[in-house]
Amino acid sequence: MSLEERKSSATVDKLMWLVVVVLLSVGVVGNSMYATESLLYRVLALLAIAIVAGLLALQTEKGKAFLAFLKDARIEIRKVVWPTRPELVQTTLIVVAFVLFVALVLWGIDSLIGWLVSGIIG
């Protein structure tokens, strides 16, 4: 890709992002201007504007990179070995027991310090 094509592509991307921002701004302003209208109509209009803005944003270089990132993330999530139910229950019980133990230790330290301070103060 030549330097001139990159500049042209960057200009088109900037223009597309400007249109996305304008669309979202129109949605926000329109929602406040038509506050007396039915909530259903306003939500449907905002949803339509958001979909158009999202599809337009996905046509830019950053949008394409974001879409590729999401696809790669989905592939990586499929590689994860999720714990079985017994492993999950066992790990959860260990965490709960440890949290209770630390809470008791901190309560004991706090009580001891409180007892020492009240003994010093009077």
PDB file of N, CA and C in Angstrom:
ATOM      1  N   MET A   1       0.845  -1.168   0.000  1.00  0.00           N
ATOM      2  CA  MET A   1       0.000   0.000   0.000  1.00  0.00           C
ATOM      3  C   MET A   1       0.895   1.237   0.000  1.00  0.00           C
ATOM      4  N   SER A   2       0.631   2.131  -0.918  1.00  0.00           N
ATOM      5  CA  SER A   2       1.471   3.322  -1.037  1.00  0.00           C
ATOM      6  C   SER A   2       1.092   4.348   0.025  1.00  0.00           C
ATOM      7  N   LEU A   3       1.956   5.340   0.157  1.00  0.00           N
ATOM      8  CA  LEU A   3       1.744   6.391   1.151  1.00  0.00           C
ATOM      9  C   LEU A   3       0.465   7.163   0.865  1.00  0.00           C
ATOM     10  N   GLU A   4       0.197   7.389  -0.407  1.00  0.00           N
ATOM     11  CA  GLU A   4      -1.010   8.131  -0.777  1.00  0.00           C
ATOM     12  C   GLU A   4      -2.270   7.338  -0.441  1.00  0.00           C
ATOM     13  N   GLU A   5      -2.237   6.013  -0.656  1.00  0.00           N
ATOM     14  CA  GLU A   5      -3.386   5.174  -0.322  1.00  0.00           C
ATOM     15  C   GLU A   5      -3.615   5.143   1.182  1.00  0.00           C
ATOM     16  N   ARG A   6      -2.531   5.125   1.970  1.00  0.00           N
ATOM     17  CA  ARG A   6      -2.669   5.140   3.428  1.00  0.00           C
ATOM     18  C   ARG A   6      -3.293   6.434   3.905  1.00  0.00           C
ATOM     19  N   LYS A   7      -2.850   7.557   3.317  1.00  0.00           N
ATOM     20  CA  LYS A   7      -3.426   8.852   3.699  1.00  0.00           C
ATOM     21  C   LYS A   7      -4.906   8.893   3.355  1.00  0.00           C
ATOM     22  N   SER A   8      -5.252   8.368   2.184  1.00  0.00           N
ATOM     23  CA  SER A   8      -6.649   8.337   1.770  1.00  0.00           C
ATOM     24  C   SER A   8      -7.467   7.460   2.710  1.00  0.00           C
ATOM     25  N   SER A   9      -6.910   6.309   3.080  1.00  0.00           N
ATOM     26  CA  SER A   9      -7.593   5.401   3.994  1.00  0.00           C
ATOM     27  C   SER A   9      -7.753   6.037   5.364  1.00  0.00           C
ATOM     28  N   ALA A  10      -6.739   6.730   5.840  1.00  0.00           N
ATOM     29  CA  ALA A  10      -6.819   7.397   7.139  1.00  0.00           C
ATOM     30  C   ALA A  10      -7.865   8.507   7.105  1.00  0.00           C
ATOM     31  N   THR A  11      -7.943   9.221   6.004  1.00  0.00           N
ATOM     32  CA  THR A  11      -8.940  10.282   5.871  1.00  0.00           C
ATOM     33  C   THR A  11     -10.342   9.712   5.885  1.00  0.00           C
ATOM     34  N   VAL A  12     -10.542   8.612   5.165  1.00  0.00           N
ATOM     35  CA  VAL A  12     -11.850   7.966   5.136  1.00  0.00           C
ATOM     36  C   VAL A  12     -12.205   7.454   6.534  1.00  0.00           C
ATOM     37  N   ASP A  13     -11.234   6.874   7.249  1.00  0.00           N
ATOM     38  CA  ASP A  13     -11.487   6.400   8.608  1.00  0.00           C
ATOM     39  C   ASP A  13     -11.892   7.548   9.527  1.00  0.00           C
ATOM     40  N   LYS A  14     -11.193   8.662   9.436  1.00  0.00           N
ATOM     41  CA  LYS A  14     -11.534   9.822  10.263  1.00  0.00           C
ATOM     42  C   LYS A  14     -12.943  10.306   9.958  1.00  0.00           C
ATOM     43  N   LEU A  15     -13.292  10.335   8.681  1.00  0.00           N
ATOM     44  CA  LEU A  15     -14.629  10.750   8.293  1.00  0.00           C
ATOM     45  C   LEU A  15     -15.682   9.788   8.837  1.00  0.00           C
ATOM     46  N   MET A  16     -15.399   8.502   8.772  1.00  0.00           N
ATOM     47  CA  MET A  16     -16.342   7.506   9.296  1.00  0.00           C
ATOM     48  C   MET A  16     -16.506   7.655  10.806  1.00  0.00           C
ATOM     49  N   TRP A  17     -15.401   7.894  11.524  1.00  0.00           N
ATOM     50  CA  TRP A  17     -15.499   8.087  12.980  1.00  0.00           C
ATOM     51  C   TRP A  17     -16.280   9.349  13.299  1.00  0.00           C
ATOM     52  N   LEU A  18     -16.125  10.373  12.479  1.00  0.00           N
ATOM     53  CA  LEU A  18     -16.898  11.601  12.677  1.00  0.00           C
ATOM     54  C   LEU A  18     -18.392  11.321  12.498  1.00  0.00           C
ATOM     55  N   VAL A  19     -18.737  10.534  11.502  1.00  0.00           N
ATOM     56  CA  VAL A  19     -20.139  10.171  11.278  1.00  0.00           C
ATOM     57  C   VAL A  19     -20.659   9.348  12.451  1.00  0.00           C
ATOM     58  N   VAL A  20     -19.843   8.443  12.989  1.00  0.00           N
ATOM     59  CA  VAL A  20     -20.249   7.639  14.144  1.00  0.00           C
ATOM     60  C   VAL A  20     -20.539   8.543  15.339  1.00  0.00           C
ATOM     61  N   VAL A  21     -19.649   9.493  15.601  1.00  0.00           N
ATOM     62  CA  VAL A  21     -19.842  10.415  16.726  1.00  0.00           C
ATOM     63  C   VAL A  21     -21.089  11.266  16.515  1.00  0.00           C
ATOM     64  N   VAL A  22     -21.297  11.727  15.291  1.00  0.00           N
ATOM     65  CA  VAL A  22     -22.484  12.532  14.999  1.00  0.00           C
ATOM     66  C   VAL A  22     -23.748  11.700  15.196  1.00  0.00           C
ATOM     67  N   LEU A  23     -23.750  10.466  14.726  1.00  0.00           N
ATOM     68  CA  LEU A  23     -24.913   9.596  14.904  1.00  0.00           C
ATOM     69  C   LEU A  23     -25.228   9.391  16.382  1.00  0.00           C
ATOM     70  N   LEU A  24     -24.208   9.095  17.176  1.00  0.00           N
ATOM     71  CA  LEU A  24     -24.435   8.882  18.607  1.00  0.00           C
ATOM     72  C   LEU A  24     -24.901  10.172  19.286  1.00  0.00           C
ATOM     73  N   SER A  25     -24.360  11.298  18.860  1.00  0.00           N
ATOM     74  CA  SER A  25     -24.794  12.584  19.418  1.00  0.00           C
ATOM     75  C   SER A  25     -26.253  12.863  19.066  1.00  0.00           C
ATOM     76  N   VAL A  26     -26.628  12.564  17.837  1.00  0.00           N
ATOM     77  CA  VAL A  26     -28.021  12.734  17.425  1.00  0.00           C
ATOM     78  C   VAL A  26     -28.925  11.843  18.272  1.00  0.00           C
ATOM     79  N   GLY A  27     -28.477  10.641  18.561  1.00  0.00           N
ATOM     80  CA  GLY A  27     -29.269   9.749  19.403  1.00  0.00           C
ATOM     81  C   GLY A  27     -29.462  10.292  20.800  1.00  0.00           C
ATOM     82  N   VAL A  28     -28.396  10.812  21.399  1.00  0.00           N
ATOM     83  CA  VAL A  28     -28.485  11.347  22.761  1.00  0.00           C
ATOM     84  C   VAL A  28     -29.369  12.593  22.792  1.00  0.00           C
ATOM     85  N   VAL A  29     -29.130  13.517  21.871  1.00  0.00           N
ATOM     86  CA  VAL A  29     -29.920  14.750  21.830  1.00  0.00           C
ATOM     87  C   VAL A  29     -31.376  14.441  21.488  1.00  0.00           C
ATOM     88  N   GLY A  30     -31.580  13.565  20.528  1.00  0.00           N
ATOM     89  CA  GLY A  30     -32.943  13.198  20.148  1.00  0.00           C
ATOM     90  C   GLY A  30     -33.696  12.533  21.282  1.00  0.00           C
ATOM     91  N   ASN A  31     -33.000  11.723  22.058  1.00  0.00           N
ATOM     92  CA  ASN A  31     -33.636  11.056  23.192  1.00  0.00           C
ATOM     93  C   ASN A  31     -34.106  12.081  24.217  1.00  0.00           C
ATOM     94  N   SER A  32     -33.298  13.098  24.450  1.00  0.00           N
ATOM     95  CA  SER A  32     -33.706  14.116  25.424  1.00  0.00           C
ATOM     96  C   SER A  32     -34.780  15.045  24.849  1.00  0.00           C
ATOM     97  N   MET A  33     -34.715  15.305  23.543  1.00  0.00           N
ATOM     98  CA  MET A  33     -35.724  16.182  22.934  1.00  0.00           C
ATOM     99  C   MET A  33     -37.099  15.511  22.889  1.00  0.00           C
ATOM    100  N   TYR A  34     -37.108  14.219  22.675  1.00  0.00           N
ATOM    101  CA  TYR A  34     -38.375  13.495  22.586  1.00  0.00           C
ATOM    102  C   TYR A  34     -38.667  12.715  23.865  1.00  0.00           C
ATOM    103  N   ALA A  35     -38.367  13.312  24.998  1.00  0.00           N
ATOM    104  CA  ALA A  35     -38.566  12.644  26.292  1.00  0.00           C
ATOM    105  C   ALA A  35     -40.031  12.356  26.574  1.00  0.00           C
ATOM    106  N   THR A  36     -40.916  13.088  25.932  1.00  0.00           N
ATOM    107  CA  THR A  36     -42.349  12.878  26.175  1.00  0.00           C
ATOM    108  C   THR A  36     -42.915  11.726  25.342  1.00  0.00           C
ATOM    109  N   GLU A  37     -42.164  11.270  24.363  1.00  0.00           N
ATOM    110  CA  GLU A  37     -42.625  10.160  23.519  1.00  0.00           C
ATOM    111  C   GLU A  37     -42.521   8.839  24.290  1.00  0.00           C
ATOM    112  N   SER A  38     -43.098   7.814  23.730  1.00  0.00           N
ATOM    113  CA  SER A  38     -43.084   6.501  24.352  1.00  0.00           C
ATOM    114  C   SER A  38     -41.649   5.991  24.514  1.00  0.00           C
ATOM    115  N   LEU A  39     -41.394   5.377  25.642  1.00  0.00           N
ATOM    116  CA  LEU A  39     -40.062   4.838  25.911  1.00  0.00           C
ATOM    117  C   LEU A  39     -39.693   3.766  24.886  1.00  0.00           C
ATOM    118  N   LEU A  40     -40.657   2.971  24.469  1.00  0.00           N
ATOM    119  CA  LEU A  40     -40.397   1.921  23.494  1.00  0.00           C
ATOM    120  C   LEU A  40     -39.854   2.507  22.190  1.00  0.00           C
ATOM    121  N   TYR A  41     -40.479   3.571  21.694  1.00  0.00           N
ATOM    122  CA  TYR A  41     -40.032   4.179  20.444  1.00  0.00           C
ATOM    123  C   TYR A  41     -38.634   4.775  20.581  1.00  0.00           C
ATOM    124  N   ARG A  42     -38.375   5.408  21.726  1.00  0.00           N
ATOM    125  CA  ARG A  42     -37.055   6.005  21.931  1.00  0.00           C
ATOM    126  C   ARG A  42     -35.984   4.928  22.019  1.00  0.00           C
ATOM    127  N   VAL A  43     -36.281   3.823  22.707  1.00  0.00           N
ATOM    128  CA  VAL A  43     -35.310   2.734  22.820  1.00  0.00           C
ATOM    129  C   VAL A  43     -35.055   2.101  21.457  1.00  0.00           C
ATOM    130  N   LEU A  44     -36.106   1.888  20.691  1.00  0.00           N
ATOM    131  CA  LEU A  44     -35.937   1.310  19.346  1.00  0.00           C
ATOM    132  C   LEU A  44     -35.123   2.238  18.444  1.00  0.00           C
ATOM    133  N   ALA A  45     -35.377   3.537  18.532  1.00  0.00           N
ATOM    134  CA  ALA A  45     -34.620   4.494  17.726  1.00  0.00           C
ATOM    135  C   ALA A  45     -33.153   4.505  18.144  1.00  0.00           C
ATOM    136  N   LEU A  46     -32.896   4.517  19.462  1.00  0.00           N
ATOM    137  CA  LEU A  46     -31.509   4.495  19.937  1.00  0.00           C
ATOM    138  C   LEU A  46     -30.811   3.203  19.540  1.00  0.00           C
ATOM    139  N   LEU A  47     -31.530   2.101  19.596  1.00  0.00           N
ATOM    140  CA  LEU A  47     -30.958   0.818  19.202  1.00  0.00           C
ATOM    141  C   LEU A  47     -30.606   0.821  17.717  1.00  0.00           C
ATOM    142  N   ALA A  48     -31.491   1.356  16.894  1.00  0.00           N
ATOM    143  CA  ALA A  48     -31.224   1.419  15.450  1.00  0.00           C
ATOM    144  C   ALA A  48     -30.014   2.305  15.171  1.00  0.00           C
ATOM    145  N   ILE A  49     -29.950   3.461  15.835  1.00  0.00           N
ATOM    146  CA  ILE A  49     -28.808   4.361  15.640  1.00  0.00           C
ATOM    147  C   ILE A  49     -27.519   3.702  16.099  1.00  0.00           C
ATOM    148  N   ALA A  50     -27.570   3.007  17.238  1.00  0.00           N
ATOM    149  CA  ALA A  50     -26.370   2.342  17.759  1.00  0.00           C
ATOM    150  C   ALA A  50     -25.907   1.234  16.822  1.00  0.00           C
ATOM    151  N   ILE A  51     -26.832   0.495  16.243  1.00  0.00           N
ATOM    152  CA  ILE A  51     -26.461  -0.577  15.310  1.00  0.00           C
ATOM    153  C   ILE A  51     -25.803   0.002  14.067  1.00  0.00           C
ATOM    154  N   VAL A  52     -26.394   1.062  13.518  1.00  0.00           N
ATOM    155  CA  VAL A  52     -25.813   1.698  12.330  1.00  0.00           C
ATOM    156  C   VAL A  52     -24.430   2.249  12.654  1.00  0.00           C
ATOM    157  N   ALA A  53     -24.311   2.928  13.807  1.00  0.00           N
ATOM    158  CA  ALA A  53     -23.012   3.492  14.202  1.00  0.00           C
ATOM    159  C   ALA A  53     -21.988   2.379  14.427  1.00  0.00           C
ATOM    160  N   GLY A  54     -22.412   1.288  15.043  1.00  0.00           N
ATOM    161  CA  GLY A  54     -21.498   0.168  15.274  1.00  0.00           C
ATOM    162  C   GLY A  54     -21.028  -0.477  13.990  1.00  0.00           C
ATOM    163  N   LEU A  55     -21.958  -0.693  13.072  1.00  0.00           N
ATOM    164  CA  LEU A  55     -21.576  -1.283  11.781  1.00  0.00           C
ATOM    165  C   LEU A  55     -20.647  -0.361  11.007  1.00  0.00           C
ATOM    166  N   LEU A  56     -20.903   0.930  11.093  1.00  0.00           N
ATOM    167  CA  LEU A  56     -20.035   1.897  10.432  1.00  0.00           C
ATOM    168  C   LEU A  56     -18.652   1.908  11.079  1.00  0.00           C
ATOM    169  N   ALA A  57     -18.608   1.841  12.403  1.00  0.00           N
ATOM    170  CA  ALA A  57     -17.322   1.831  13.108  1.00  0.00           C
ATOM    171  C   ALA A  57     -16.523   0.574  12.778  1.00  0.00           C
ATOM    172  N   LEU A  58     -17.201  -0.548  12.562  1.00  0.00           N
ATOM    173  CA  LEU A  58     -16.500  -1.791  12.235  1.00  0.00           C
ATOM    174  C   LEU A  58     -15.876  -1.767  10.842  1.00  0.00           C
ATOM    175  N   GLN A  59     -16.247  -0.803  10.014  1.00  0.00           N
ATOM    176  CA  GLN A  59     -15.670  -0.697   8.676  1.00  0.00           C
ATOM    177  C   GLN A  59     -14.330   0.035   8.682  1.00  0.00           C
ATOM    178  N   THR A  60     -13.963   0.673   9.806  1.00  0.00           N
ATOM    179  CA  THR A  60     -12.691   1.390   9.890  1.00  0.00           C
ATOM    180  C   THR A  60     -11.569   0.410  10.212  1.00  0.00           C
ATOM    181  N   GLU A  61     -10.337   0.881  10.125  1.00  0.00           N
ATOM    182  CA  GLU A  61      -9.181   0.023  10.435  1.00  0.00           C
ATOM    183  C   GLU A  61      -9.214  -0.420  11.895  1.00  0.00           C
ATOM    184  N   LYS A  62      -9.493   0.514  12.805  1.00  0.00           N
ATOM    185  CA  LYS A  62      -9.562   0.156  14.226  1.00  0.00           C
ATOM    186  C   LYS A  62     -10.725  -0.779  14.497  1.00  0.00           C
ATOM    187  N   GLY A  63     -11.828  -0.592  13.790  1.00  0.00           N
ATOM    188  CA  GLY A  63     -12.973  -1.477  13.944  1.00  0.00           C
ATOM    189  C   GLY A  63     -12.659  -2.886  13.472  1.00  0.00           C
ATOM    190  N   LYS A  64     -11.943  -2.990  12.365  1.00  0.00           N
ATOM    191  CA  LYS A  64     -11.549  -4.311  11.852  1.00  0.00           C
ATOM    192  C   LYS A  64     -10.565  -4.984  12.807  1.00  0.00           C
ATOM    193  N   ALA A  65      -9.664  -4.192  13.379  1.00  0.00           N
ATOM    194  CA  ALA A  65      -8.715  -4.745  14.348  1.00  0.00           C
ATOM    195  C   ALA A  65      -9.453  -5.221  15.595  1.00  0.00           C
ATOM    196  N   PHE A  66     -10.458  -4.467  16.033  1.00  0.00           N
ATOM    197  CA  PHE A  66     -11.253  -4.862  17.200  1.00  0.00           C
ATOM    198  C   PHE A  66     -12.019  -6.150  16.920  1.00  0.00           C
ATOM    199  N   LEU A  67     -12.582  -6.268  15.737  1.00  0.00           N
ATOM    200  CA  LEU A  67     -13.307  -7.481  15.367  1.00  0.00           C
ATOM    201  C   LEU A  67     -12.362  -8.684  15.325  1.00  0.00           C
ATOM    202  N   ALA A  68     -11.163  -8.497  14.807  1.00  0.00           N
ATOM    203  CA  ALA A  68     -10.174  -9.578  14.789  1.00  0.00           C
ATOM    204  C   ALA A  68      -9.785  -9.964  16.211  1.00  0.00           C
ATOM    205  N   PHE A  69      -9.659  -8.959  17.094  1.00  0.00           N
ATOM    206  CA  PHE A  69      -9.360  -9.229  18.504  1.00  0.00           C
ATOM    207  C   PHE A  69     -10.462 -10.062  19.141  1.00  0.00           C
ATOM    208  N   LEU A  70     -11.714  -9.716  18.868  1.00  0.00           N
ATOM    209  CA  LEU A  70     -12.829 -10.490  19.433  1.00  0.00           C
ATOM    210  C   LEU A  70     -12.826 -11.932  18.929  1.00  0.00           C
ATOM    211  N   LYS A  71     -12.516 -12.117  17.647  1.00  0.00           N
ATOM    212  CA  LYS A  71     -12.460 -13.479  17.102  1.00  0.00           C
ATOM    213  C   LYS A  71     -11.336 -14.276  17.758  1.00  0.00           C
ATOM    214  N   ASP A  72     -10.177 -13.645  17.939  1.00  0.00           N
ATOM    215  CA  ASP A  72      -9.055 -14.313  18.592  1.00  0.00           C
ATOM    216  C   ASP A  72      -9.381 -14.640  20.047  1.00  0.00           C
ATOM    217  N   ALA A  73     -10.066 -13.728  20.727  1.00  0.00           N
ATOM    218  CA  ALA A  73     -10.451 -13.969  22.114  1.00  0.00           C
ATOM    219  C   ALA A  73     -11.415 -15.141  22.209  1.00  0.00           C
ATOM    220  N   ARG A  74     -12.322 -15.243  21.266  1.00  0.00           N
ATOM    221  CA  ARG A  74     -13.272 -16.362  21.267  1.00  0.00           C
ATOM    222  C   ARG A  74     -12.536 -17.697  21.059  1.00  0.00           C
ATOM    223  N   ILE A  75     -11.550 -17.679  20.188  1.00  0.00           N
ATOM    224  CA  ILE A  75     -10.753 -18.894  19.964  1.00  0.00           C
ATOM    225  C   ILE A  75     -10.016 -19.285  21.243  1.00  0.00           C
ATOM    226  N   GLU A  76      -9.451 -18.292  21.936  1.00  0.00           N
ATOM    227  CA  GLU A  76      -8.714 -18.580  23.176  1.00  0.00           C
ATOM    228  C   GLU A  76      -9.645 -19.079  24.275  1.00  0.00           C
ATOM    229  N   ILE A  77     -10.860 -18.537  24.333  1.00  0.00           N
ATOM    230  CA  ILE A  77     -11.813 -18.990  25.350  1.00  0.00           C
ATOM    231  C   ILE A  77     -12.179 -20.450  25.132  1.00  0.00           C
ATOM    232  N   ARG A  78     -12.241 -20.867  23.878  1.00  0.00           N
ATOM    233  CA  ARG A  78     -12.551 -22.274  23.594  1.00  0.00           C
ATOM    234  C   ARG A  78     -11.436 -23.214  24.053  1.00  0.00           C
ATOM    235  N   LYS A  79     -10.212 -22.676  24.191  1.00  0.00           N
ATOM    236  CA  LYS A  79      -9.080 -23.495  24.621  1.00  0.00           C
ATOM    237  C   LYS A  79      -9.034 -23.680  26.136  1.00  0.00           C
ATOM    238  N   VAL A  80      -9.804 -22.880  26.870  1.00  0.00           N
ATOM    239  CA  VAL A  80      -9.765 -22.934  28.331  1.00  0.00           C
ATOM    240  C   VAL A  80     -10.373 -24.253  28.811  1.00  0.00           C
ATOM    241  N   VAL A  81      -9.719 -24.867  29.788  1.00  0.00           N
ATOM    242  CA  VAL A  81     -10.260 -26.070  30.413  1.00  0.00           C
ATOM    243  C   VAL A  81     -11.027 -25.620  31.652  1.00  0.00           C
ATOM    244  N   TRP A  82     -12.334 -25.661  31.571  1.00  0.00           N
ATOM    245  CA  TRP A  82     -13.171 -25.185  32.664  1.00  0.00           C
ATOM    246  C   TRP A  82     -13.247 -26.254  33.748  1.00  0.00           C
ATOM    247  N   PRO A  83     -13.324 -25.850  35.029  1.00  0.00           N
ATOM    248  CA  PRO A  83     -13.377 -26.832  36.119  1.00  0.00           C
ATOM    249  C   PRO A  83     -14.711 -27.579  36.128  1.00  0.00           C
ATOM    250  N   THR A  84     -14.640 -28.805  36.647  1.00  0.00           N
ATOM    251  CA  THR A  84     -15.867 -29.566  36.804  1.00  0.00           C
ATOM    252  C   THR A  84     -16.614 -29.045  38.030  1.00  0.00           C
ATOM    253  N   ARG A  85     -17.835 -29.478  38.208  1.00  0.00           N
ATOM    254  CA  ARG A  85     -18.627 -29.003  39.348  1.00  0.00           C
ATOM    255  C   ARG A  85     -17.984 -29.371  40.685  1.00  0.00           C
ATOM    256  N   PRO A  86     -17.503 -30.608  40.882  1.00  0.00           N
ATOM    257  CA  PRO A  86     -16.855 -30.914  42.164  1.00  0.00           C
ATOM    258  C   PRO A  86     -15.608 -30.055  42.420  1.00  0.00           C
ATOM    259  N   GLU A  87     -14.825 -29.811  41.372  1.00  0.00           N
ATOM    260  CA  GLU A  87     -13.648 -28.946  41.536  1.00  0.00           C
ATOM    261  C   GLU A  87     -14.067 -27.535  41.920  1.00  0.00           C
ATOM    262  N   LEU A  88     -15.117 -27.051  41.302  1.00  0.00           N
ATOM    263  CA  LEU A  88     -15.611 -25.713  41.590  1.00  0.00           C
ATOM    264  C   LEU A  88     -16.097 -25.604  43.034  1.00  0.00           C
ATOM    265  N   VAL A  89     -16.868 -26.587  43.489  1.00  0.00           N
ATOM    266  CA  VAL A  89     -17.378 -26.575  44.867  1.00  0.00           C
ATOM    267  C   VAL A  89     -16.222 -26.652  45.851  1.00  0.00           C
ATOM    268  N   GLN A  90     -15.272 -27.532  45.611  1.00  0.00           N
ATOM    269  CA  GLN A  90     -14.132 -27.692  46.507  1.00  0.00           C
ATOM    270  C   GLN A  90     -13.309 -26.401  46.585  1.00  0.00           C
ATOM    271  N   THR A  91     -13.031 -25.796  45.466  1.00  0.00           N
ATOM    272  CA  THR A  91     -12.263 -24.552  45.447  1.00  0.00           C
ATOM    273  C   THR A  91     -13.018 -23.434  46.154  1.00  0.00           C
ATOM    274  N   THR A  92     -14.321 -23.355  45.929  1.00  0.00           N
ATOM    275  CA  THR A  92     -15.132 -22.330  46.591  1.00  0.00           C
ATOM    276  C   THR A  92     -15.111 -22.513  48.099  1.00  0.00           C
ATOM    277  N   LEU A  93     -15.232 -23.745  48.569  1.00  0.00           N
ATOM    278  CA  LEU A  93     -15.211 -24.002  50.013  1.00  0.00           C
ATOM    279  C   LEU A  93     -13.852 -23.645  50.613  1.00  0.00           C
ATOM    280  N   ILE A  94     -12.782 -23.911  49.899  1.00  0.00           N
ATOM    281  CA  ILE A  94     -11.441 -23.551  50.383  1.00  0.00           C
ATOM    282  C   ILE A  94     -11.326 -22.033  50.501  1.00  0.00           C
ATOM    283  N   VAL A  95     -11.807 -21.317  49.517  1.00  0.00           N
ATOM    284  CA  VAL A  95     -11.745 -19.855  49.547  1.00  0.00           C
ATOM    285  C   VAL A  95     -12.578 -19.307  50.702  1.00  0.00           C
ATOM    286  N   VAL A  96     -13.784 -19.825  50.887  1.00  0.00           N
ATOM    287  CA  VAL A  96     -14.641 -19.361  51.980  1.00  0.00           C
ATOM    288  C   VAL A  96     -13.985 -19.637  53.326  1.00  0.00           C
ATOM    289  N   ALA A  97     -13.402 -20.828  53.505  1.00  0.00           N
ATOM    290  CA  ALA A  97     -12.740 -21.162  54.763  1.00  0.00           C
ATOM    291  C   ALA A  97     -11.551 -20.235  55.011  1.00  0.00           C
ATOM    292  N   PHE A  98     -10.775 -19.961  54.000  1.00  0.00           N
ATOM    293  CA  PHE A  98      -9.625 -19.079  54.155  1.00  0.00           C
ATOM    294  C   PHE A  98     -10.064 -17.653  54.494  1.00  0.00           C
ATOM    295  N   VAL A  99     -11.114 -17.175  53.852  1.00  0.00           N
ATOM    296  CA  VAL A  99     -11.625 -15.839  54.143  1.00  0.00           C
ATOM    297  C   VAL A  99     -12.107 -15.756  55.586  1.00  0.00           C
ATOM    298  N   LEU A 100     -12.818 -16.783  56.050  1.00  0.00           N
ATOM    299  CA  LEU A 100     -13.275 -16.793  57.442  1.00  0.00           C
ATOM    300  C   LEU A 100     -12.093 -16.820  58.406  1.00  0.00           C
ATOM    301  N   PHE A 101     -11.068 -17.602  58.101  1.00  0.00           N
ATOM    302  CA  PHE A 101      -9.883 -17.667  58.954  1.00  0.00           C
ATOM    303  C   PHE A 101      -9.196 -16.300  59.043  1.00  0.00           C
ATOM    304  N   VAL A 102      -8.987 -15.660  57.904  1.00  0.00           N
ATOM    305  CA  VAL A 102      -8.349 -14.346  57.893  1.00  0.00           C
ATOM    306  C   VAL A 102      -9.220 -13.327  58.625  1.00  0.00           C
ATOM    307  N   ALA A 103     -10.532 -13.415  58.468  1.00  0.00           N
ATOM    308  CA  ALA A 103     -11.434 -12.502  59.170  1.00  0.00           C
ATOM    309  C   ALA A 103     -11.315 -12.678  60.678  1.00  0.00           C
ATOM    310  N   LEU A 104     -11.234 -13.920  61.137  1.00  0.00           N
ATOM    311  CA  LEU A 104     -11.077 -14.169  62.582  1.00  0.00           C
ATOM    312  C   LEU A 104      -9.737 -13.659  63.087  1.00  0.00           C
ATOM    313  N   VAL A 105      -8.681 -13.858  62.334  1.00  0.00           N
ATOM    314  CA  VAL A 105      -7.362 -13.364  62.745  1.00  0.00           C
ATOM    315  C   VAL A 105      -7.373 -11.848  62.831  1.00  0.00           C
ATOM    316  N   LEU A 106      -7.934 -11.183  61.829  1.00  0.00           N
ATOM    317  CA  LEU A 106      -8.003  -9.728  61.851  1.00  0.00           C
ATOM    318  C   LEU A 106      -8.887  -9.226  62.993  1.00  0.00           C
ATOM    319  N   TRP A 107      -9.982  -9.919  63.268  1.00  0.00           N
ATOM    320  CA  TRP A 107     -10.845  -9.548  64.403  1.00  0.00           C
ATOM    321  C   TRP A 107     -10.072  -9.676  65.706  1.00  0.00           C
ATOM    322  N   GLY A 108      -9.295 -10.747  65.822  1.00  0.00           N
ATOM    323  CA  GLY A 108      -8.492 -10.936  67.037  1.00  0.00           C
ATOM    324  C   GLY A 108      -7.449  -9.849  67.197  1.00  0.00           C
ATOM    325  N   ILE A 109      -6.760  -9.516  66.127  1.00  0.00           N
ATOM    326  CA  ILE A 109      -5.746  -8.457  66.196  1.00  0.00           C
ATOM    327  C   ILE A 109      -6.409  -7.122  66.532  1.00  0.00           C
ATOM    328  N   ASP A 110      -7.535  -6.834  65.919  1.00  0.00           N
ATOM    329  CA  ASP A 110      -8.252  -5.587  66.198  1.00  0.00           C
ATOM    330  C   ASP A 110      -8.709  -5.535  67.652  1.00  0.00           C
ATOM    331  N   SER A 111      -9.211  -6.641  68.172  1.00  0.00           N
ATOM    332  CA  SER A 111      -9.639  -6.682  69.576  1.00  0.00           C
ATOM    333  C   SER A 111      -8.456  -6.479  70.506  1.00  0.00           C
ATOM    334  N   LEU A 112      -7.318  -7.111  70.217  1.00  0.00           N
ATOM    335  CA  LEU A 112      -6.128  -6.967  71.044  1.00  0.00           C
ATOM    336  C   LEU A 112      -5.631  -5.527  71.046  1.00  0.00           C
ATOM    337  N   ILE A 113      -5.556  -4.929  69.882  1.00  0.00           N
ATOM    338  CA  ILE A 113      -5.116  -3.536  69.801  1.00  0.00           C
ATOM    339  C   ILE A 113      -6.107  -2.621  70.529  1.00  0.00           C
ATOM    340  N   GLY A 114      -7.407  -2.877  70.366  1.00  0.00           N
ATOM    341  CA  GLY A 114      -8.408  -2.087  71.096  1.00  0.00           C
ATOM    342  C   GLY A 114      -8.264  -2.231  72.593  1.00  0.00           C
ATOM    343  N   TRP A 115      -8.001  -3.445  73.063  1.00  0.00           N
ATOM    344  CA  TRP A 115      -7.832  -3.702  74.499  1.00  0.00           C
ATOM    345  C   TRP A 115      -6.575  -2.977  75.012  1.00  0.00           C
ATOM    346  N   LEU A 116      -5.481  -3.038  74.238  1.00  0.00           N
ATOM    347  CA  LEU A 116      -4.237  -2.363  74.646  1.00  0.00           C
ATOM    348  C   LEU A 116      -4.427  -0.836  74.679  1.00  0.00           C
ATOM    349  N   VAL A 117      -5.075  -0.269  73.656  1.00  0.00           N
ATOM    350  CA  VAL A 117      -5.278   1.167  73.625  1.00  0.00           C
ATOM    351  C   VAL A 117      -6.180   1.614  74.766  1.00  0.00           C
ATOM    352  N   SER A 118      -7.255   0.882  75.045  1.00  0.00           N
ATOM    353  CA  SER A 118      -8.134   1.261  76.158  1.00  0.00           C
ATOM    354  C   SER A 118      -7.425   1.092  77.487  1.00  0.00           C
ATOM    355  N   GLY A 119      -6.501   0.156  77.601  1.00  0.00           N
ATOM    356  CA  GLY A 119      -5.723   0.001  78.822  1.00  0.00           C
ATOM    357  C   GLY A 119      -4.749   1.158  79.029  1.00  0.00           C
ATOM    358  N   ILE A 120      -4.171   1.668  77.941  1.00  0.00           N
ATOM    359  CA  ILE A 120      -3.234   2.783  78.033  1.00  0.00           C
ATOM    360  C   ILE A 120      -3.976   4.095  78.307  1.00  0.00           C
ATOM    361  N   ILE A 121      -5.087   4.303  77.602  1.00  0.00           N
ATOM    362  CA  ILE A 121      -5.837   5.554  77.753  1.00  0.00           C
ATOM    363  C   ILE A 121      -6.529   5.608  79.114  1.00  0.00           C
ATOM    364  N   GLY A 122      -7.005   4.539  79.569  1.00  0.00           N
ATOM    365  CA  GLY A 122      -7.603   4.606  80.904  1.00  0.00           C
ATOM    366  C   GLY A 122      -8.830   3.811  80.940  1.00  0.00           C
TER     367      GLY A 122
END
